[in-house]
């Protein structure tokens, strides 16, 4: 009996949560979010040295991926 009740709560709780999240997100402008994310990523999170290290690391990982694909 207890498991059945908890199952109902879990089932309908997830549906309500999903519905509420969709209502919140549907009113947001995706372009505004993208613009804010790019600004955060490039300017505020890392200093110049860390940005250079991240770019080098990313380029190296792409090169490694291409090497694995060519083998």
Protein backbone atom coordinates (compact mmCIF):
# COMPACT_ATOMS: atom_id res chain seq x y z
CA UNK A 1 0.00 0.00 0.00
CA UNK A 2 2.76 2.41 0.98
CA UNK A 3 4.73 1.65 -2.18
CA UNK A 4 1.64 2.26 -4.32
CA UNK A 5 1.04 5.67 -2.72
CA UNK A 6 4.68 6.66 -3.13
CA UNK A 7 4.50 5.54 -6.76
CA UNK A 8 1.51 7.81 -7.37
CA UNK A 9 3.26 10.74 -5.73
CA UNK A 10 6.38 10.15 -7.80
CA UNK A 11 4.42 9.80 -11.05
CA UNK A 12 2.25 12.86 -10.71
CA UNK A 13 4.93 14.91 -8.99
CA UNK A 14 7.22 14.48 -11.97
CA UNK A 15 4.42 15.45 -14.35
CA UNK A 16 3.66 18.63 -12.41
CA UNK A 17 7.35 19.49 -12.19
CA UNK A 18 7.82 18.98 -15.92
CA UNK A 19 4.74 21.08 -16.69
CA UNK A 20 5.93 23.93 -14.45
CA UNK A 21 9.42 23.89 -15.96
CA UNK A 22 8.01 24.04 -19.48
CA UNK A 23 5.84 27.01 -18.50
CA UNK A 24 8.86 28.88 -17.13
CA UNK A 25 11.22 28.13 -20.00
CA UNK A 26 8.74 28.76 -22.81
CA UNK A 27 8.62 32.46 -21.90
CA UNK A 28 12.37 32.97 -22.11
CA UNK A 29 14.15 34.37 -25.14
CA UNK A 30 16.77 31.82 -26.25
CA UNK A 31 18.89 34.48 -27.96
CA UNK A 32 19.18 36.42 -24.71
CA UNK A 33 20.36 33.29 -22.92
CA UNK A 34 22.94 32.52 -25.60
CA UNK A 35 24.28 36.07 -25.51
CA UNK A 36 24.60 35.96 -21.72
CA UNK A 37 26.28 32.55 -21.78
CA UNK A 38 28.88 33.65 -24.31
CA UNK A 39 29.65 36.75 -22.27
CA UNK A 40 29.98 34.69 -19.09
CA UNK A 41 32.16 32.09 -20.76
CA UNK A 42 34.55 34.49 -22.46
CA UNK A 43 34.89 37.42 -20.08
CA UNK A 44 33.90 36.73 -16.52
CA UNK A 45 34.79 33.15 -15.72
CA UNK A 46 38.42 32.90 -16.74
CA UNK A 47 41.31 35.27 -17.05
CA UNK A 48 43.28 35.62 -20.26
CA UNK A 49 45.85 32.96 -19.33
CA UNK A 50 43.19 30.40 -18.50
CA UNK A 51 41.34 31.20 -21.74
CA UNK A 52 44.49 30.52 -23.75
CA UNK A 53 45.04 27.23 -21.93
CA UNK A 54 41.45 26.17 -22.55
CA UNK A 55 41.68 27.02 -26.25
CA UNK A 56 44.93 25.07 -26.60
CA UNK A 57 43.43 22.10 -24.75
CA UNK A 58 40.34 22.17 -26.95
CA UNK A 59 42.40 22.32 -30.15
CA UNK A 60 44.51 19.40 -28.93
CA UNK A 61 41.43 17.33 -28.16
CA UNK A 62 40.06 18.02 -31.65
CA UNK A 63 43.39 16.96 -33.19
CA UNK A 64 43.36 13.76 -31.13
CA UNK A 65 39.80 13.03 -32.24
CA UNK A 66 40.74 13.48 -35.92
CA UNK A 67 43.73 11.15 -35.48
CA UNK A 68 41.52 8.44 -33.97
CA UNK A 69 39.02 8.81 -36.81
CA UNK A 70 41.75 8.47 -39.45
CA UNK A 71 43.11 5.23 -38.00
